[in-house]
Amino acid sequence: NGGINETFIATVNGVPFEDLNNAMKINAGLDIINTLTDYYKFQAPIFIDNRESVNEIVDIKSQVINLVVTKDEKLKFELIENREVA
């Protein structure tokens, strides 16, 4: 109808989100979640799938649940104690 279409393309150092590798996509998404958490003053648990593909994740202010592929025969749960995030 001739109207303006708003477009948002997330980038990391000028690289469009869709061109990032999997680890950078996960960290970029977490950074966006941190920004929205600050803005809306709301925290929710975050599930990170394919966590084995990321060596380090950015500091996150919410509870993180990592989904990791292992060679364990049985489903395994591990609790990692809370850590302070600046």
PDB file of N, CA and C in Angstrom:
ATOM      1  N   ASN A   1       0.810  -1.193   0.000  1.00  0.00           N
ATOM      2  CA  ASN A   1       0.000   0.000   0.000  1.00  0.00           C
ATOM      3  C   ASN A   1       0.855   1.259   0.000  1.00  0.00           C
ATOM      4  N   GLY A   2       2.147   1.098  -0.228  1.00  0.00           N
ATOM      5  CA  GLY A   2       3.026   2.256  -0.277  1.00  0.00           C
ATOM      6  C   GLY A   2       3.519   2.710   1.076  1.00  0.00           C
ATOM      7  N   GLY A   3       3.112   1.995   2.157  1.00  0.00           N
ATOM      8  CA  GLY A   3       3.556   2.367   3.496  1.00  0.00           C
ATOM      9  C   GLY A   3       5.005   1.980   3.724  1.00  0.00           C
ATOM     10  N   ILE A   4       5.523   2.417   4.827  1.00  0.00           N
ATOM     11  CA  ILE A   4       6.909   2.120   5.178  1.00  0.00           C
ATOM     12  C   ILE A   4       6.934   0.810   5.964  1.00  0.00           C
ATOM     13  N   ASN A   5       7.821  -0.099   5.568  1.00  0.00           N
ATOM     14  CA  ASN A   5       8.020  -1.352   6.301  1.00  0.00           C
ATOM     15  C   ASN A   5       9.231  -1.198   7.201  1.00  0.00           C
ATOM     16  N   GLU A   6       9.003  -1.340   8.508  1.00  0.00           N
ATOM     17  CA  GLU A   6      10.128  -1.269   9.434  1.00  0.00           C
ATOM     18  C   GLU A   6      10.940  -2.550   9.304  1.00  0.00           C
ATOM     19  N   THR A   7      12.267  -2.410   9.267  1.00  0.00           N
ATOM     20  CA  THR A   7      13.146  -3.557   9.131  1.00  0.00           C
ATOM     21  C   THR A   7      14.243  -3.462  10.178  1.00  0.00           C
ATOM     22  N   PHE A   8      14.501  -4.564  10.832  1.00  0.00           N
ATOM     23  CA  PHE A   8      15.562  -4.623  11.833  1.00  0.00           C
ATOM     24  C   PHE A   8      16.472  -5.786  11.468  1.00  0.00           C
ATOM     25  N   ILE A   9      17.743  -5.516  11.279  1.00  0.00           N
ATOM     26  CA  ILE A   9      18.716  -6.559  11.002  1.00  0.00           C
ATOM     27  C   ILE A   9      19.801  -6.465  12.067  1.00  0.00           C
ATOM     28  N   ALA A  10      19.885  -7.492  12.912  1.00  0.00           N
ATOM     29  CA  ALA A  10      20.922  -7.521  13.940  1.00  0.00           C
ATOM     30  C   ALA A  10      22.265  -7.789  13.271  1.00  0.00           C
ATOM     31  N   THR A  11      23.291  -7.095  13.737  1.00  0.00           N
ATOM     32  CA  THR A  11      24.642  -7.301  13.212  1.00  0.00           C
ATOM     33  C   THR A  11      25.622  -7.414  14.368  1.00  0.00           C
ATOM     34  N   VAL A  12      26.741  -8.077  14.112  1.00  0.00           N
ATOM     35  CA  VAL A  12      27.854  -8.141  15.059  1.00  0.00           C
ATOM     36  C   VAL A  12      29.075  -7.642  14.313  1.00  0.00           C
ATOM     37  N   ASN A  13      29.590  -6.506  14.745  1.00  0.00           N
ATOM     38  CA  ASN A  13      30.733  -5.875  14.066  1.00  0.00           C
ATOM     39  C   ASN A  13      30.474  -5.723  12.574  1.00  0.00           C
ATOM     40  N   GLY A  14      29.238  -5.361  12.216  1.00  0.00           N
ATOM     41  CA  GLY A  14      28.880  -5.121  10.831  1.00  0.00           C
ATOM     42  C   GLY A  14      28.478  -6.354  10.047  1.00  0.00           C
ATOM     43  N   VAL A  15      28.586  -7.539  10.643  1.00  0.00           N
ATOM     44  CA  VAL A  15      28.218  -8.784   9.952  1.00  0.00           C
ATOM     45  C   VAL A  15      26.760  -9.106  10.265  1.00  0.00           C
ATOM     46  N   PRO A  16      25.912  -9.281   9.251  1.00  0.00           N
ATOM     47  CA  PRO A  16      24.501  -9.603   9.498  1.00  0.00           C
ATOM     48  C   PRO A  16      24.340 -10.912  10.264  1.00  0.00           C
ATOM     49  N   PHE A  17      23.325 -10.971  11.117  1.00  0.00           N
ATOM     50  CA  PHE A  17      23.071 -12.132  11.970  1.00  0.00           C
ATOM     51  C   PHE A  17      23.078 -13.433  11.181  1.00  0.00           C
ATOM     52  N   GLU A  18      22.411 -13.461  10.036  1.00  0.00           N
ATOM     53  CA  GLU A  18      22.293 -14.709   9.276  1.00  0.00           C
ATOM     54  C   GLU A  18      23.632 -15.202   8.724  1.00  0.00           C
ATOM     55  N   ASP A  19      24.658 -14.339   8.676  1.00  0.00           N
ATOM     56  CA  ASP A  19      25.974 -14.736   8.180  1.00  0.00           C
ATOM     57  C   ASP A  19      26.937 -15.155   9.292  1.00  0.00           C
ATOM     58  N   LEU A  20      26.503 -15.081  10.550  1.00  0.00           N
ATOM     59  CA  LEU A  20      27.361 -15.452  11.681  1.00  0.00           C
ATOM     60  C   LEU A  20      27.438 -16.965  11.830  1.00  0.00           C
ATOM     61  N   ASN A  21      28.512 -17.448  12.458  1.00  0.00           N
ATOM     62  CA  ASN A  21      28.572 -18.876  12.774  1.00  0.00           C
ATOM     63  C   ASN A  21      27.648 -19.150  13.962  1.00  0.00           C
ATOM     64  N   ASN A  22      27.419 -20.423  14.268  1.00  0.00           N
ATOM     65  CA  ASN A  22      26.444 -20.790  15.286  1.00  0.00           C
ATOM     66  C   ASN A  22      26.784 -20.197  16.656  1.00  0.00           C
ATOM     67  N   ALA A  23      28.046 -20.241  17.049  1.00  0.00           N
ATOM     68  CA  ALA A  23      28.446 -19.705  18.350  1.00  0.00           C
ATOM     69  C   ALA A  23      28.168 -18.210  18.446  1.00  0.00           C
ATOM     70  N   MET A  24      28.483 -17.478  17.390  1.00  0.00           N
ATOM     71  CA  MET A  24      28.233 -16.031  17.403  1.00  0.00           C
ATOM     72  C   MET A  24      26.734 -15.724  17.385  1.00  0.00           C
ATOM     73  N   LYS A  25      25.947 -16.549  16.692  1.00  0.00           N
ATOM     74  CA  LYS A  25      24.490 -16.354  16.704  1.00  0.00           C
ATOM     75  C   LYS A  25      23.939 -16.523  18.112  1.00  0.00           C
ATOM     76  N   ILE A  26      24.430 -17.536  18.823  1.00  0.00           N
ATOM     77  CA  ILE A  26      23.965 -17.770  20.197  1.00  0.00           C
ATOM     78  C   ILE A  26      24.345 -16.589  21.080  1.00  0.00           C
ATOM     79  N   ASN A  27      25.593 -16.136  21.004  1.00  0.00           N
ATOM     80  CA  ASN A  27      26.023 -15.007  21.832  1.00  0.00           C
ATOM     81  C   ASN A  27      25.318 -13.708  21.456  1.00  0.00           C
ATOM     82  N   ALA A  28      25.074 -13.502  20.178  1.00  0.00           N
ATOM     83  CA  ALA A  28      24.338 -12.298  19.758  1.00  0.00           C
ATOM     84  C   ALA A  28      22.913 -12.345  20.314  1.00  0.00           C
ATOM     85  N   GLY A  29      22.284 -13.509  20.251  1.00  0.00           N
ATOM     86  CA  GLY A  29      20.941 -13.655  20.804  1.00  0.00           C
ATOM     87  C   GLY A  29      20.913 -13.401  22.297  1.00  0.00           C
ATOM     88  N   LEU A  30      21.927 -13.891  23.014  1.00  0.00           N
ATOM     89  CA  LEU A  30      22.004 -13.655  24.457  1.00  0.00           C
ATOM     90  C   LEU A  30      22.207 -12.176  24.761  1.00  0.00           C
ATOM     91  N   ASP A  31      22.996 -11.499  23.945  1.00  0.00           N
ATOM     92  CA  ASP A  31      23.211 -10.063  24.130  1.00  0.00           C
ATOM     93  C   ASP A  31      21.899  -9.294  23.920  1.00  0.00           C
ATOM     94  N   ILE A  32      21.129  -9.704  22.936  1.00  0.00           N
ATOM     95  CA  ILE A  32      19.816  -9.077  22.696  1.00  0.00           C
ATOM     96  C   ILE A  32      18.898  -9.337  23.882  1.00  0.00           C
ATOM     97  N   ILE A  33      18.912 -10.575  24.406  1.00  0.00           N
ATOM     98  CA  ILE A  33      18.087 -10.898  25.579  1.00  0.00           C
ATOM     99  C   ILE A  33      18.493 -10.036  26.766  1.00  0.00           C
ATOM    100  N   ASN A  34      19.805  -9.840  26.986  1.00  0.00           N
ATOM    101  CA  ASN A  34      20.269  -8.967  28.076  1.00  0.00           C
ATOM    102  C   ASN A  34      19.707  -7.557  27.923  1.00  0.00           C
ATOM    103  N   THR A  35      19.732  -7.042  26.706  1.00  0.00           N
ATOM    104  CA  THR A  35      19.224  -5.689  26.457  1.00  0.00           C
ATOM    105  C   THR A  35      17.732  -5.608  26.752  1.00  0.00           C
ATOM    106  N   LEU A  36      16.969  -6.594  26.279  1.00  0.00           N
ATOM    107  CA  LEU A  36      15.523  -6.602  26.531  1.00  0.00           C
ATOM    108  C   LEU A  36      15.221  -6.807  28.012  1.00  0.00           C
ATOM    109  N   THR A  37      16.034  -7.617  28.697  1.00  0.00           N
ATOM    110  CA  THR A  37      15.865  -7.829  30.136  1.00  0.00           C
ATOM    111  C   THR A  37      16.044  -6.519  30.888  1.00  0.00           C
ATOM    112  N   ASP A  38      17.062  -5.753  30.525  1.00  0.00           N
ATOM    113  CA  ASP A  38      17.279  -4.449  31.156  1.00  0.00           C
ATOM    114  C   ASP A  38      16.125  -3.496  30.874  1.00  0.00           C
ATOM    115  N   TYR A  39      15.665  -3.457  29.646  1.00  0.00           N
ATOM    116  CA  TYR A  39      14.623  -2.521  29.244  1.00  0.00           C
ATOM    117  C   TYR A  39      13.292  -2.826  29.924  1.00  0.00           C
ATOM    118  N   TYR A  40      12.884  -4.106  29.895  1.00  0.00           N
ATOM    119  CA  TYR A  40      11.577  -4.482  30.433  1.00  0.00           C
ATOM    120  C   TYR A  40      11.611  -4.853  31.909  1.00  0.00           C
ATOM    121  N   LYS A  41      12.809  -4.904  32.510  1.00  0.00           N
ATOM    122  CA  LYS A  41      12.957  -5.261  33.928  1.00  0.00           C
ATOM    123  C   LYS A  41      12.286  -6.595  34.228  1.00  0.00           C
ATOM    124  N   PHE A  42      12.556  -7.584  33.370  1.00  0.00           N
ATOM    125  CA  PHE A  42      11.941  -8.898  33.503  1.00  0.00           C
ATOM    126  C   PHE A  42      12.971  -9.952  33.127  1.00  0.00           C
ATOM    127  N   GLN A  43      13.068 -10.995  33.955  1.00  0.00           N
ATOM    128  CA  GLN A  43      13.999 -12.083  33.659  1.00  0.00           C
ATOM    129  C   GLN A  43      13.235 -13.395  33.575  1.00  0.00           C
ATOM    130  N   ALA A  44      13.613 -14.214  32.626  1.00  0.00           N
ATOM    131  CA  ALA A  44      13.019 -15.537  32.451  1.00  0.00           C
ATOM    132  C   ALA A  44      14.147 -16.519  32.168  1.00  0.00           C
ATOM    133  N   PRO A  45      13.942 -17.799  32.453  1.00  0.00           N
ATOM    134  CA  PRO A  45      14.989 -18.779  32.136  1.00  0.00           C
ATOM    135  C   PRO A  45      15.241 -18.838  30.640  1.00  0.00           C
ATOM    136  N   ILE A  46      16.497 -19.066  30.282  1.00  0.00           N
ATOM    137  CA  ILE A  46      16.889 -19.116  28.879  1.00  0.00           C
ATOM    138  C   ILE A  46      17.449 -20.504  28.577  1.00  0.00           C
ATOM    139  N   PHE A  47      16.886 -21.162  27.581  1.00  0.00           N
ATOM    140  CA  PHE A  47      17.383 -22.443  27.124  1.00  0.00           C
ATOM    141  C   PHE A  47      18.356 -22.200  25.974  1.00  0.00           C
ATOM    142  N   ILE A  48      19.563 -22.746  26.080  1.00  0.00           N
ATOM    143  CA  ILE A  48      20.544 -22.633  25.001  1.00  0.00           C
ATOM    144  C   ILE A  48      20.736 -24.023  24.417  1.00  0.00           C
ATOM    145  N   ASP A  49      20.237 -24.223  23.205  1.00  0.00           N
ATOM    146  CA  ASP A  49      20.390 -25.497  22.517  1.00  0.00           C
ATOM    147  C   ASP A  49      21.729 -25.504  21.774  1.00  0.00           C
ATOM    148  N   ASN A  50      22.269 -26.678  21.531  1.00  0.00           N
ATOM    149  CA  ASN A  50      23.567 -26.836  20.859  1.00  0.00           C
ATOM    150  C   ASN A  50      24.678 -26.130  21.618  1.00  0.00           C
ATOM    151  N   ARG A  51      24.594 -26.134  22.933  1.00  0.00           N
ATOM    152  CA  ARG A  51      25.560 -25.419  23.770  1.00  0.00           C
ATOM    153  C   ARG A  51      26.984 -25.943  23.574  1.00  0.00           C
ATOM    154  N   GLU A  52      27.109 -27.198  23.135  1.00  0.00           N
ATOM    155  CA  GLU A  52      28.440 -27.762  22.934  1.00  0.00           C
ATOM    156  C   GLU A  52      29.205 -27.054  21.820  1.00  0.00           C
ATOM    157  N   SER A  53      28.510 -26.281  20.995  1.00  0.00           N
ATOM    158  CA  SER A  53      29.164 -25.586  19.892  1.00  0.00           C
ATOM    159  C   SER A  53      29.744 -24.233  20.294  1.00  0.00           C
ATOM    160  N   VAL A  54      29.575 -23.859  21.576  1.00  0.00           N
ATOM    161  CA  VAL A  54      30.042 -22.549  22.041  1.00  0.00           C
ATOM    162  C   VAL A  54      31.039 -22.741  23.181  1.00  0.00           C
ATOM    163  N   ASN A  55      32.262 -22.223  23.012  1.00  0.00           N
ATOM    164  CA  ASN A  55      33.266 -22.330  24.072  1.00  0.00           C
ATOM    165  C   ASN A  55      32.935 -21.416  25.245  1.00  0.00           C
ATOM    166  N   GLU A  56      32.568 -20.190  24.953  1.00  0.00           N
ATOM    167  CA  GLU A  56      32.252 -19.219  25.999  1.00  0.00           C
ATOM    168  C   GLU A  56      30.993 -18.471  25.607  1.00  0.00           C
ATOM    169  N   ILE A  57      30.111 -18.280  26.592  1.00  0.00           N
ATOM    170  CA  ILE A  57      28.923 -17.469  26.334  1.00  0.00           C
ATOM    171  C   ILE A  57      29.087 -16.131  27.056  1.00  0.00           C
ATOM    172  N   VAL A  58      28.425 -15.121  26.521  1.00  0.00           N
ATOM    173  CA  VAL A  58      28.462 -13.811  27.164  1.00  0.00           C
ATOM    174  C   VAL A  58      27.800 -13.922  28.527  1.00  0.00           C
ATOM    175  N   ASP A  59      28.156 -13.034  29.448  1.00  0.00           N
ATOM    176  CA  ASP A  59      27.503 -13.027  30.749  1.00  0.00           C
ATOM    177  C   ASP A  59      26.031 -12.729  30.557  1.00  0.00           C
ATOM    178  N   ILE A  60      25.205 -13.508  31.223  1.00  0.00           N
ATOM    179  CA  ILE A  60      23.760 -13.364  31.087  1.00  0.00           C
ATOM    180  C   ILE A  60      23.169 -13.191  32.478  1.00  0.00           C
ATOM    181  N   LYS A  61      22.159 -12.352  32.596  1.00  0.00           N
ATOM    182  CA  LYS A  61      21.587 -12.017  33.890  1.00  0.00           C
ATOM    183  C   LYS A  61      20.441 -12.931  34.291  1.00  0.00           C
ATOM    184  N   SER A  62      20.085 -13.865  33.444  1.00  0.00           N
ATOM    185  CA  SER A  62      18.976 -14.770  33.711  1.00  0.00           C
ATOM    186  C   SER A  62      19.497 -16.177  33.970  1.00  0.00           C
ATOM    187  N   GLN A  63      18.598 -17.037  34.451  1.00  0.00           N
ATOM    188  CA  GLN A  63      18.952 -18.440  34.627  1.00  0.00           C
ATOM    189  C   GLN A  63      19.171 -19.047  33.245  1.00  0.00           C
ATOM    190  N   VAL A  64      20.237 -19.836  33.099  1.00  0.00           N
ATOM    191  CA  VAL A  64      20.553 -20.459  31.817  1.00  0.00           C
ATOM    192  C   VAL A  64      20.433 -21.971  31.945  1.00  0.00           C
ATOM    193  N   ILE A  65      19.747 -22.573  31.002  1.00  0.00           N
ATOM    194  CA  ILE A  65      19.623 -24.021  30.932  1.00  0.00           C
ATOM    195  C   ILE A  65      20.296 -24.444  29.630  1.00  0.00           C
ATOM    196  N   ASN A  66      21.430 -25.145  29.770  1.00  0.00           N
ATOM    197  CA  ASN A  66      22.213 -25.571  28.612  1.00  0.00           C
ATOM    198  C   ASN A  66      21.763 -26.952  28.144  1.00  0.00           C
ATOM    199  N   LEU A  67      21.471 -27.092  26.866  1.00  0.00           N
ATOM    200  CA  LEU A  67      21.140 -28.374  26.266  1.00  0.00           C
ATOM    201  C   LEU A  67      22.363 -28.810  25.467  1.00  0.00           C
ATOM    202  N   VAL A  68      22.974 -29.930  25.887  1.00  0.00           N
ATOM    203  CA  VAL A  68      24.251 -30.355  25.331  1.00  0.00           C
ATOM    204  C   VAL A  68      24.166 -31.805  24.890  1.00  0.00           C
ATOM    205  N   VAL A  69      24.720 -32.098  23.723  1.00  0.00           N
ATOM    206  CA  VAL A  69      24.819 -33.471  23.244  1.00  0.00           C
ATOM    207  C   VAL A  69      26.014 -34.126  23.939  1.00  0.00           C
ATOM    208  N   THR A  70      25.793 -35.318  24.487  1.00  0.00           N
ATOM    209  CA  THR A  70      26.879 -36.078  25.106  1.00  0.00           C
ATOM    210  C   THR A  70      26.808 -37.521  24.626  1.00  0.00           C
ATOM    211  N   LYS A  71      27.781 -38.301  25.023  1.00  0.00           N
ATOM    212  CA  LYS A  71      27.776 -39.725  24.707  1.00  0.00           C
ATOM    213  C   LYS A  71      27.270 -40.548  25.894  1.00  0.00           C
ATOM    214  N   ASP A  72      26.762 -39.882  26.928  1.00  0.00           N
ATOM    215  CA  ASP A  72      26.214 -40.580  28.085  1.00  0.00           C
ATOM    216  C   ASP A  72      25.026 -41.429  27.655  1.00  0.00           C
ATOM    217  N   GLU A  73      24.910 -42.616  28.255  1.00  0.00           N
ATOM    218  CA  GLU A  73      23.808 -43.502  27.898  1.00  0.00           C
ATOM    219  C   GLU A  73      22.504 -43.086  28.556  1.00  0.00           C
ATOM    220  N   LYS A  74      22.591 -42.414  29.699  1.00  0.00           N
ATOM    221  CA  LYS A  74      21.391 -41.979  30.413  1.00  0.00           C
ATOM    222  C   LYS A  74      21.333 -40.459  30.436  1.00  0.00           C
ATOM    223  N   LEU A  75      20.107 -39.946  30.525  1.00  0.00           N
ATOM    224  CA  LEU A  75      19.920 -38.506  30.642  1.00  0.00           C
ATOM    225  C   LEU A  75      20.568 -38.026  31.928  1.00  0.00           C
ATOM    226  N   LYS A  76      21.303 -36.941  31.854  1.00  0.00           N
ATOM    227  CA  LYS A  76      22.086 -36.468  32.990  1.00  0.00           C
ATOM    228  C   LYS A  76      21.755 -35.012  33.267  1.00  0.00           C
ATOM    229  N   PHE A  77      21.582 -34.673  34.542  1.00  0.00           N
ATOM    230  CA  PHE A  77      21.324 -33.304  34.968  1.00  0.00           C
ATOM    231  C   PHE A  77      22.447 -32.864  35.883  1.00  0.00           C
ATOM    232  N   GLU A  78      22.949 -31.661  35.701  1.00  0.00           N
ATOM    233  CA  GLU A  78      23.969 -31.101  36.560  1.00  0.00           C
ATOM    234  C   GLU A  78      23.546 -29.702  36.973  1.00  0.00           C
ATOM    235  N   LEU A  79      23.720 -29.396  38.242  1.00  0.00           N
ATOM    236  CA  LEU A  79      23.434 -28.065  38.746  1.00  0.00           C
ATOM    237  C   LEU A  79      24.746 -27.347  38.962  1.00  0.00           C
ATOM    238  N   ILE A  80      24.897 -26.221  38.325  1.00  0.00           N
ATOM    239  CA  ILE A  80      26.077 -25.385  38.522  1.00  0.00           C
ATOM    240  C   ILE A  80      25.627 -24.213  39.372  1.00  0.00           C
ATOM    241  N   GLU A  81      26.276 -24.039  40.494  1.00  0.00           N
ATOM    242  CA  GLU A  81      25.870 -23.002  41.447  1.00  0.00           C
ATOM    243  C   GLU A  81      25.866 -21.627  40.804  1.00  0.00           C
ATOM    244  N   ASN A  82      25.002 -20.774  41.334  1.00  0.00           N
ATOM    245  CA  ASN A  82      24.889 -19.406  40.831  1.00  0.00           C
ATOM    246  C   ASN A  82      26.221 -18.696  40.896  1.00  0.00           C
ATOM    247  N   ARG A  83      26.433 -17.833  39.940  1.00  0.00           N
ATOM    248  CA  ARG A  83      27.622 -17.005  39.953  1.00  0.00           C
ATOM    249  C   ARG A  83      27.181 -15.565  39.748  1.00  0.00           C
ATOM    250  N   GLU A  84      27.928 -14.667  40.305  1.00  0.00           N
ATOM    251  CA  GLU A  84      27.596 -13.251  40.184  1.00  0.00           C
ATOM    252  C   GLU A  84      27.941 -12.758  38.784  1.00  0.00           C
ATOM    253  N   VAL A  85      27.030 -12.025  38.197  1.00  0.00           N
ATOM    254  CA  VAL A  85      27.244 -11.428  36.888  1.00  0.00           C
ATOM    255  C   VAL A  85      27.154  -9.923  37.051  1.00  0.00           C
ATOM    256  N   ALA A  86      28.149  -9.227  36.553  1.00  0.00           N
ATOM    257  CA  ALA A  86      28.174  -7.764  36.677  1.00  0.00           C
ATOM    258  C   ALA A  86      27.114  -7.125  35.839  1.00  0.00           C
TER     259      ALA A  86
END
